[in-house]
């Protein structure tokens, strides 16, 4: 009887320890995401002008405060073109944090590389579903972080094109 109670107590302690470890890991690990919307219009056969780019991230590497404003760096011109089926955007993001009357900014080059995998046509508007990656930081040849597109769309009508992308960190070369 004592052996059975001791064995039961050890099993209960092991289960409680496993629960505690899994809950503390769940609390400290979060999904690192990058979400962006790009509005653009065609200027030629395979080239586009970017009208606006908005973004949001949960990356503590990019936004340690968790309260950053992410937008295009106004001093650089984003490049967007279509190469075969791929849409490629190279831009410089400005990530800013404001404390009181002081704004501190850091700049990150990004390269968005997406390819349509299917489409939906309705009422004169075509929506393409996208796969691809977003390379983030240090330059497009040696990115600090690579995000994998989990949900991407490209909406096209006669006047406007809008890319909306939700991506999850695939690789962080800073670790």
C-alpha atoms as a PDB file:
ATOM      1  CA  UNK A   1       0.000   0.000   0.000  1.00  0.00           C
ATOM      2  CA  UNK A   2       2.814   2.414   0.850  1.00  0.00           C
ATOM      3  CA  UNK A   3       4.583   1.599  -2.444  1.00  0.00           C
ATOM      4  CA  UNK A   4       1.432   2.342  -4.406  1.00  0.00           C
ATOM      5  CA  UNK A   5       0.910   5.686  -2.604  1.00  0.00           C
ATOM      6  CA  UNK A   6       4.572   6.638  -3.153  1.00  0.00           C
ATOM      7  CA  UNK A   7       4.331   5.721  -6.830  1.00  0.00           C
ATOM      8  CA  UNK A   8       1.075   7.699  -7.154  1.00  0.00           C
ATOM      9  CA  UNK A   9       2.668  10.697  -5.428  1.00  0.00           C
ATOM     10  CA  UNK A  10       5.673  10.574  -7.799  1.00  0.00           C
ATOM     11  CA  UNK A  11       3.392  10.413 -10.832  1.00  0.00           C
ATOM     12  CA  UNK A  12       1.311  13.353  -9.577  1.00  0.00           C
ATOM     13  CA  UNK A  13       4.498  15.385  -8.884  1.00  0.00           C
ATOM     14  CA  UNK A  14       5.844  14.595 -12.376  1.00  0.00           C
ATOM     15  CA  UNK A  15       2.545  15.631 -13.983  1.00  0.00           C
ATOM     16  CA  UNK A  16       2.441  18.882 -11.990  1.00  0.00           C
ATOM     17  CA  UNK A  17       6.038  19.661 -12.950  1.00  0.00           C
ATOM     18  CA  UNK A  18       5.277  19.006 -16.634  1.00  0.00           C
ATOM     19  CA  UNK A  19       2.191  21.248 -16.458  1.00  0.00           C
ATOM     20  CA  UNK A  20       4.171  24.021 -14.807  1.00  0.00           C
ATOM     21  CA  UNK A  21       6.961  23.815 -17.396  1.00  0.00           C
ATOM     22  CA  UNK A  22       4.559  23.792 -20.337  1.00  0.00           C
ATOM     23  CA  UNK A  23       2.563  26.747 -19.005  1.00  0.00           C
ATOM     24  CA  UNK A  24       5.696  28.819 -18.334  1.00  0.00           C
ATOM     25  CA  UNK A  25       6.986  28.059 -21.848  1.00  0.00           C
ATOM     26  CA  UNK A  26       3.622  29.017 -23.332  1.00  0.00           C
ATOM     27  CA  UNK A  27       3.684  32.305 -21.438  1.00  0.00           C
ATOM     28  CA  UNK A  28       7.194  33.243 -22.581  1.00  0.00           C
ATOM     29  CA  UNK A  29       6.968  32.129 -26.198  1.00  0.00           C
ATOM     30  CA  UNK A  30       4.751  33.993 -28.595  1.00  0.00           C
ATOM     31  CA  UNK A  31       4.287  33.816 -32.317  1.00  0.00           C
ATOM     32  CA  UNK A  32       6.468  36.365 -34.095  1.00  0.00           C
ATOM     33  CA  UNK A  33       4.334  37.860 -36.892  1.00  0.00           C
ATOM     34  CA  UNK A  34       4.637  40.559 -39.537  1.00  0.00           C
ATOM     35  CA  UNK A  35       1.505  41.892 -41.235  1.00  0.00           C
ATOM     36  CA  UNK A  36       1.554  44.354 -44.115  1.00  0.00           C
ATOM     37  CA  UNK A  37      -0.789  45.994 -46.620  1.00  0.00           C
ATOM     38  CA  UNK A  38       0.644  47.483 -49.807  1.00  0.00           C
ATOM     39  CA  UNK A  39      -1.449  49.712 -52.109  1.00  0.00           C
ATOM     40  CA  UNK A  40      -0.002  50.160 -55.595  1.00  0.00           C
ATOM     41  CA  UNK A  41      -0.837  50.846 -59.228  1.00  0.00           C
ATOM     42  CA  UNK A  42       0.768  49.761 -62.505  1.00  0.00           C
ATOM     43  CA  UNK A  43       3.107  52.161 -64.311  1.00  0.00           C
ATOM     44  CA  UNK A  44       4.185  49.832 -67.082  1.00  0.00           C
ATOM     45  CA  UNK A  45       4.048  46.216 -68.143  1.00  0.00           C
ATOM     46  CA  UNK A  46       5.890  44.813 -65.109  1.00  0.00           C
ATOM     47  CA  UNK A  47       6.506  47.858 -62.895  1.00  0.00           C
ATOM     48  CA  UNK A  48       4.370  49.448 -60.206  1.00  0.00           C
ATOM     49  CA  UNK A  49       4.363  52.561 -58.032  1.00  0.00           C
ATOM     50  CA  UNK A  50       3.741  51.923 -54.341  1.00  0.00           C
ATOM     51  CA  UNK A  51       1.092  54.346 -53.073  1.00  0.00           C
ATOM     52  CA  UNK A  52       1.251  53.281 -49.425  1.00  0.00           C
ATOM     53  CA  UNK A  53       2.551  50.552 -47.173  1.00  0.00           C
ATOM     54  CA  UNK A  54       1.331  49.920 -43.651  1.00  0.00           C
ATOM     55  CA  UNK A  55       2.693  47.245 -41.358  1.00  0.00           C
ATOM     56  CA  UNK A  56       2.478  45.799 -37.880  1.00  0.00           C
ATOM     57  CA  UNK A  57       4.735  43.332 -36.073  1.00  0.00           C
ATOM     58  CA  UNK A  58       4.831  41.324 -32.852  1.00  0.00           C
ATOM     59  CA  UNK A  59       8.603  40.862 -33.220  1.00  0.00           C
ATOM     60  CA  UNK A  60      10.476  41.822 -30.059  1.00  0.00           C
ATOM     61  CA  UNK A  61      13.638  42.030 -32.217  1.00  0.00           C
ATOM     62  CA  UNK A  62      12.056  44.745 -34.362  1.00  0.00           C
ATOM     63  CA  UNK A  63       9.858  46.417 -31.732  1.00  0.00           C
ATOM     64  CA  UNK A  64      11.080  45.685 -28.185  1.00  0.00           C
ATOM     65  CA  UNK A  65       8.543  48.089 -26.639  1.00  0.00           C
ATOM     66  CA  UNK A  66       5.609  46.384 -28.362  1.00  0.00           C
ATOM     67  CA  UNK A  67       4.266  49.852 -29.221  1.00  0.00           C
ATOM     68  CA  UNK A  68       5.882  50.837 -32.514  1.00  0.00           C
ATOM     69  CA  UNK A  69       4.667  52.651 -35.594  1.00  0.00           C
ATOM     70  CA  UNK A  70       5.807  50.920 -38.793  1.00  0.00           C
ATOM     71  CA  UNK A  71       5.658  52.671 -42.169  1.00  0.00           C
ATOM     72  CA  UNK A  72       7.692  53.396 -45.289  1.00  0.00           C
ATOM     73  CA  UNK A  73      10.869  55.416 -44.962  1.00  0.00           C
ATOM     74  CA  UNK A  74       9.937  58.593 -46.888  1.00  0.00           C
ATOM     75  CA  UNK A  75      13.552  59.191 -47.944  1.00  0.00           C
ATOM     76  CA  UNK A  76      13.692  56.057 -50.122  1.00  0.00           C
ATOM     77  CA  UNK A  77      11.553  54.974 -53.057  1.00  0.00           C
ATOM     78  CA  UNK A  78      10.153  51.438 -52.824  1.00  0.00           C
ATOM     79  CA  UNK A  79      10.652  49.283 -55.900  1.00  0.00           C
ATOM     80  CA  UNK A  80       7.892  46.928 -57.001  1.00  0.00           C
ATOM     81  CA  UNK A  81       7.928  44.784 -60.089  1.00  0.00           C
ATOM     82  CA  UNK A  82       6.583  41.560 -61.502  1.00  0.00           C
ATOM     83  CA  UNK A  83       9.073  38.937 -62.646  1.00  0.00           C
ATOM     84  CA  UNK A  84       7.214  36.074 -64.301  1.00  0.00           C
ATOM     85  CA  UNK A  85       4.490  35.140 -61.831  1.00  0.00           C
ATOM     86  CA  UNK A  86       6.321  36.632 -58.826  1.00  0.00           C
ATOM     87  CA  UNK A  87       5.594  40.047 -57.342  1.00  0.00           C
ATOM     88  CA  UNK A  88       8.670  41.523 -55.670  1.00  0.00           C
ATOM     89  CA  UNK A  89       8.779  44.606 -53.443  1.00  0.00           C
ATOM     90  CA  UNK A  90      12.006  46.072 -52.092  1.00  0.00           C
ATOM     91  CA  UNK A  91      11.519  48.868 -49.578  1.00  0.00           C
ATOM     92  CA  UNK A  92      12.956  50.448 -46.456  1.00  0.00           C
ATOM     93  CA  UNK A  93      10.738  50.384 -43.364  1.00  0.00           C
ATOM     94  CA  UNK A  94      10.866  52.971 -40.624  1.00  0.00           C
ATOM     95  CA  UNK A  95      10.051  51.557 -37.164  1.00  0.00           C
ATOM     96  CA  UNK A  96       9.424  54.360 -34.655  1.00  0.00           C
ATOM     97  CA  UNK A  97       8.805  54.587 -30.915  1.00  0.00           C
ATOM     98  CA  UNK A  98       7.582  57.810 -29.329  1.00  0.00           C
ATOM     99  CA  UNK A  99       8.231  58.595 -25.661  1.00  0.00           C
ATOM    100  CA  UNK A 100       7.012  61.993 -24.567  1.00  0.00           C
ATOM    101  CA  UNK A 101       8.107  64.489 -27.208  1.00  0.00           C
ATOM    102  CA  UNK A 102      10.930  62.279 -28.586  1.00  0.00           C
ATOM    103  CA  UNK A 103      10.580  59.831 -31.486  1.00  0.00           C
ATOM    104  CA  UNK A 104      13.350  57.288 -32.084  1.00  0.00           C
ATOM    105  CA  UNK A 105      13.399  55.388 -35.378  1.00  0.00           C
ATOM    106  CA  UNK A 106      15.275  52.438 -36.812  1.00  0.00           C
ATOM    107  CA  UNK A 107      15.322  51.480 -40.483  1.00  0.00           C
ATOM    108  CA  UNK A 108      14.975  47.964 -41.902  1.00  0.00           C
ATOM    109  CA  UNK A 109      15.272  46.915 -45.538  1.00  0.00           C
ATOM    110  CA  UNK A 110      12.617  44.374 -46.549  1.00  0.00           C
ATOM    111  CA  UNK A 111      12.053  42.259 -49.615  1.00  0.00           C
ATOM    112  CA  UNK A 112       8.577  40.856 -50.200  1.00  0.00           C
ATOM    113  CA  UNK A 113       8.536  37.972 -52.695  1.00  0.00           C
ATOM    114  CA  UNK A 114       5.084  36.469 -53.344  1.00  0.00           C
ATOM    115  CA  UNK A 115       3.570  34.301 -56.063  1.00  0.00           C
ATOM    116  CA  UNK A 116      -0.152  33.808 -56.831  1.00  0.00           C
ATOM    117  CA  UNK A 117      -1.230  30.174 -56.324  1.00  0.00           C
ATOM    118  CA  UNK A 118      -4.963  30.544 -57.109  1.00  0.00           C
ATOM    119  CA  UNK A 119      -7.580  33.208 -57.865  1.00  0.00           C
ATOM    120  CA  UNK A 120     -11.205  34.136 -57.254  1.00  0.00           C
ATOM    121  CA  UNK A 121     -13.085  36.398 -59.694  1.00  0.00           C
ATOM    122  CA  UNK A 122     -16.241  38.207 -58.630  1.00  0.00           C
ATOM    123  CA  UNK A 123     -18.002  41.381 -59.833  1.00  0.00           C
ATOM    124  CA  UNK A 124     -15.082  42.593 -61.942  1.00  0.00           C
ATOM    125  CA  UNK A 125     -12.528  42.115 -59.166  1.00  0.00           C
ATOM    126  CA  UNK A 126      -9.897  39.377 -59.043  1.00  0.00           C
ATOM    127  CA  UNK A 127      -8.388  38.203 -55.759  1.00  0.00           C
ATOM    128  CA  UNK A 128      -5.221  36.106 -55.915  1.00  0.00           C
ATOM    129  CA  UNK A 129      -4.122  33.917 -53.011  1.00  0.00           C
ATOM    130  CA  UNK A 130      -0.375  34.278 -52.403  1.00  0.00           C
ATOM    131  CA  UNK A 131       2.528  32.198 -51.114  1.00  0.00           C
ATOM    132  CA  UNK A 132       6.020  33.480 -50.477  1.00  0.00           C
ATOM    133  CA  UNK A 133       8.412  35.065 -48.008  1.00  0.00           C
ATOM    134  CA  UNK A 134       9.376  38.402 -46.526  1.00  0.00           C
ATOM    135  CA  UNK A 135      13.101  38.921 -45.913  1.00  0.00           C
ATOM    136  CA  UNK A 136      13.606  41.485 -43.167  1.00  0.00           C
ATOM    137  CA  UNK A 137      16.651  43.477 -42.061  1.00  0.00           C
ATOM    138  CA  UNK A 138      20.361  43.720 -43.036  1.00  0.00           C
ATOM    139  CA  UNK A 139      19.556  43.710 -46.736  1.00  0.00           C
ATOM    140  CA  UNK A 140      17.909  41.308 -49.112  1.00  0.00           C
ATOM    141  CA  UNK A 141      21.013  39.152 -49.627  1.00  0.00           C
ATOM    142  CA  UNK A 142      21.591  38.388 -45.936  1.00  0.00           C
ATOM    143  CA  UNK A 143      18.306  38.999 -44.060  1.00  0.00           C
ATOM    144  CA  UNK A 144      18.132  38.960 -40.271  1.00  0.00           C
ATOM    145  CA  UNK A 145      14.672  37.391 -40.303  1.00  0.00           C
ATOM    146  CA  UNK A 146      12.699  35.427 -42.887  1.00  0.00           C
ATOM    147  CA  UNK A 147       8.917  35.427 -42.556  1.00  0.00           C
ATOM    148  CA  UNK A 148       6.787  32.803 -44.285  1.00  0.00           C
ATOM    149  CA  UNK A 149       3.517  34.067 -45.802  1.00  0.00           C
ATOM    150  CA  UNK A 150       0.628  32.237 -44.111  1.00  0.00           C
ATOM    151  CA  UNK A 151      -2.248  34.252 -45.545  1.00  0.00           C
ATOM    152  CA  UNK A 152      -1.650  36.538 -48.494  1.00  0.00           C
ATOM    153  CA  UNK A 153      -4.042  38.129 -50.985  1.00  0.00           C
ATOM    154  CA  UNK A 154      -3.689  40.412 -53.977  1.00  0.00           C
ATOM    155  CA  UNK A 155      -6.891  42.240 -54.919  1.00  0.00           C
ATOM    156  CA  UNK A 156      -6.957  43.658 -58.439  1.00  0.00           C
ATOM    157  CA  UNK A 157      -9.520  45.853 -60.191  1.00  0.00           C
ATOM    158  CA  UNK A 158      -9.138  48.332 -63.055  1.00  0.00           C
ATOM    159  CA  UNK A 159      -7.682  51.102 -60.859  1.00  0.00           C
ATOM    160  CA  UNK A 160      -6.069  49.641 -57.773  1.00  0.00           C
ATOM    161  CA  UNK A 161      -3.982  46.722 -56.542  1.00  0.00           C
ATOM    162  CA  UNK A 162      -3.847  45.830 -52.848  1.00  0.00           C
ATOM    163  CA  UNK A 163      -1.579  43.184 -51.310  1.00  0.00           C
ATOM    164  CA  UNK A 164      -2.392  42.089 -47.760  1.00  0.00           C
ATOM    165  CA  UNK A 165      -0.010  39.640 -46.071  1.00  0.00           C
ATOM    166  CA  UNK A 166       0.033  37.885 -42.714  1.00  0.00           C
ATOM    167  CA  UNK A 167       3.357  36.125 -42.145  1.00  0.00           C
ATOM    168  CA  UNK A 168       5.049  34.155 -39.366  1.00  0.00           C
ATOM    169  CA  UNK A 169       8.759  34.108 -38.523  1.00  0.00           C
ATOM    170  CA  UNK A 170      10.383  31.160 -40.263  1.00  0.00           C
ATOM    171  CA  UNK A 171      14.050  31.880 -39.485  1.00  0.00           C
ATOM    172  CA  UNK A 172      15.836  34.382 -37.249  1.00  0.00           C
ATOM    173  CA  UNK A 173      19.586  34.648 -37.906  1.00  0.00           C
ATOM    174  CA  UNK A 174      20.015  36.769 -34.752  1.00  0.00           C
ATOM    175  CA  UNK A 175      19.514  33.743 -32.475  1.00  0.00           C
END
